C-alpha atoms as a PDB file:
ATOM      1  CA  MET A   1     102.646  61.174  21.281  1.00  0.00           C
ATOM      2  CA  LYS A   2     105.707  62.750  22.793  1.00  0.00           C
ATOM      3  CA  ASN A   3     109.086  61.286  21.933  1.00  0.00           C
ATOM      4  CA  ALA A   4     109.175  57.689  23.194  1.00  0.00           C
ATOM      5  CA  TRP A   5     112.324  58.441  25.171  1.00  0.00           C
ATOM      6  CA  ASP A   6     110.331  61.003  27.170  1.00  0.00           C
ATOM      7  CA  TYR A   7     108.795  57.958  28.884  1.00  0.00           C
ATOM      8  CA  ILE A   8     111.868  55.751  29.154  1.00  0.00           C
ATOM      9  CA  THR A   9     115.194  56.139  30.918  1.00  0.00           C
ATOM     10  CA  VAL A  10     118.406  54.164  31.223  1.00  0.00           C
ATOM     11  CA  ASP A  11     120.347  54.611  34.452  1.00  0.00           C
ATOM     12  CA  ARG A  12     123.070  52.240  35.675  1.00  0.00           C
ATOM     13  CA  GLU A  13     121.804  52.803  39.235  1.00  0.00           C
ATOM     14  CA  ILE A  14     118.257  51.657  38.420  1.00  0.00           C
ATOM     15  CA  CYS A  15     117.464  48.059  37.401  1.00  0.00           C
ATOM     16  CA  HIS A  16     121.095  47.404  36.439  1.00  0.00           C
ATOM     17  CA  GLY A  17     120.916  49.888  33.569  1.00  0.00           C
ATOM     18  CA  LYS A  18     118.013  48.221  31.795  1.00  0.00           C
ATOM     19  CA  PRO A  19     115.529  50.583  30.129  1.00  0.00           C
ATOM     20  CA  CYS A  20     112.768  51.505  32.605  1.00  0.00           C
ATOM     21  CA  PHE A  21     109.814  53.814  32.542  1.00  0.00           C
ATOM     22  CA  LYS A  22     110.760  57.167  34.058  1.00  0.00           C
ATOM     23  CA  GLY A  23     109.835  57.543  37.705  1.00  0.00           C
ATOM     24  CA  THR A  24     109.370  53.784  38.131  1.00  0.00           C
ATOM     25  CA  ARG A  25     111.394  50.625  38.413  1.00  0.00           C
ATOM     26  CA  ILE A  26     109.232  48.953  35.801  1.00  0.00           C
ATOM     27  CA  MET A  27     111.459  47.642  33.046  1.00  0.00           C
ATOM     28  CA  VAL A  28     110.352  48.102  29.455  1.00  0.00           C
ATOM     29  CA  SER A  29     111.156  44.429  28.819  1.00  0.00           C
ATOM     30  CA  ILE A  30     108.503  43.379  31.363  1.00  0.00           C
ATOM     31  CA  VAL A  31     105.792  45.191  29.414  1.00  0.00           C
ATOM     32  CA  LEU A  32     107.019  43.720  26.132  1.00  0.00           C
ATOM     33  CA  GLU A  33     107.026  40.218  27.646  1.00  0.00           C
ATOM     34  CA  LEU A  34     103.486  40.701  28.943  1.00  0.00           C
ATOM     35  CA  LEU A  35     102.312  41.810  25.500  1.00  0.00           C
ATOM     36  CA  GLU A  36     104.043  38.810  23.954  1.00  0.00           C
ATOM     37  CA  ALA A  37     102.248  36.550  26.437  1.00  0.00           C
ATOM     38  CA  GLY A  38      98.910  37.904  25.244  1.00  0.00           C
ATOM     39  CA  GLU A  39      98.135  40.354  28.033  1.00  0.00           C
ATOM     40  CA  THR A  40      96.026  43.285  26.913  1.00  0.00           C
ATOM     41  CA  VAL A  41      97.025  46.890  27.437  1.00  0.00           C
ATOM     42  CA  GLU A  42      94.186  47.171  29.941  1.00  0.00           C
ATOM     43  CA  GLN A  43      95.481  44.174  31.933  1.00  0.00           C
ATOM     44  CA  ILE A  44      98.983  45.646  32.020  1.00  0.00           C
ATOM     45  CA  LEU A  45      97.682  49.037  33.138  1.00  0.00           C
ATOM     46  CA  ASP A  46      95.644  47.353  35.891  1.00  0.00           C
ATOM     47  CA  ALA A  47      98.746  45.472  37.073  1.00  0.00           C
ATOM     48  CA  TYR A  48     100.970  48.574  36.869  1.00  0.00           C
ATOM     49  CA  PRO A  49      98.802  51.589  37.745  1.00  0.00           C
ATOM     50  CA  GLY A  50     101.749  53.983  37.336  1.00  0.00           C
ATOM     51  CA  LEU A  51     101.746  53.353  33.588  1.00  0.00           C
ATOM     52  CA  THR A  52      99.584  54.897  30.886  1.00  0.00           C
ATOM     53  CA  PRO A  53      98.750  53.754  27.354  1.00  0.00           C
ATOM     54  CA  GLN A  54     101.491  56.135  26.195  1.00  0.00           C
ATOM     55  CA  HIS A  55     104.060  54.135  28.182  1.00  0.00           C
ATOM     56  CA  ILE A  56     102.996  50.955  26.370  1.00  0.00           C
ATOM     57  CA  GLN A  57     103.176  52.721  23.017  1.00  0.00           C
ATOM     58  CA  ALA A  58     106.627  54.078  23.902  1.00  0.00           C
ATOM     59  CA  ALA A  59     107.854  50.561  24.758  1.00  0.00           C
ATOM     60  CA  LEU A  60     106.725  49.248  21.385  1.00  0.00           C
ATOM     61  CA  HIS A  61     108.204  52.220  19.543  1.00  0.00           C
ATOM     62  CA  VAL A  62     111.595  51.896  21.238  1.00  0.00           C
ATOM     63  CA  ALA A  63     111.718  48.142  20.572  1.00  0.00           C
ATOM     64  CA  SER A  64     110.925  48.775  16.916  1.00  0.00           C
ATOM     65  CA  GLU A  65     113.520  51.539  16.628  1.00  0.00           C
ATOM     66  CA  LEU A  66     116.225  49.407  18.202  1.00  0.00           C
ATOM     67  CA  LEU A  67     115.512  46.526  15.830  1.00  0.00           C
ATOM     68  CA  GLN A  68     115.565  48.828  12.811  1.00  0.00           C
ATOM     69  CA  HIS A  69     118.924  50.369  13.671  1.00  0.00           C
ATOM     70  CA  GLU A  70     120.801  47.377  15.050  1.00  0.00           C
ATOM     71  CA  GLN A  71     122.993  45.117  12.949  1.00  0.00           C
ATOM     72  CA  PHE A  72     122.508  41.377  13.359  1.00  0.00           C
ATOM     73  CA  LEU A  73     124.725  38.430  12.519  1.00  0.00           C
ATOM     74  CA  ALA A  74     123.131  35.546  10.715  1.00  0.00           C
ATOM     75  CA  PHE A  75     123.781  32.157  12.243  1.00  0.00           C
ATOM     76  CA  PRO A  76     123.957  29.095   9.997  1.00  0.00           C
ATOM     77  CA  ALA A  77     120.958  26.793  10.182  1.00  0.00           C
ATOM     78  CA  ALA A  78     121.508  23.735  12.340  1.00  0.00           C
END
């Protein structure tokens, strides 16, 4: 696979600066939400014909990378 960022862009003029797939207005978060909801890759590709399996893989890779390199604050249990 190419670099995941070869598939994803962030532009303040497109989708309010949210990460989107290059050449589309499809936000990466939409694909991640669909996967979370149990949609298959095939269902997502059918719904968004401009995407490829590599786009889905890039979305997962970028989400993983961001979680690995971000610092989080622990909140006390309620």
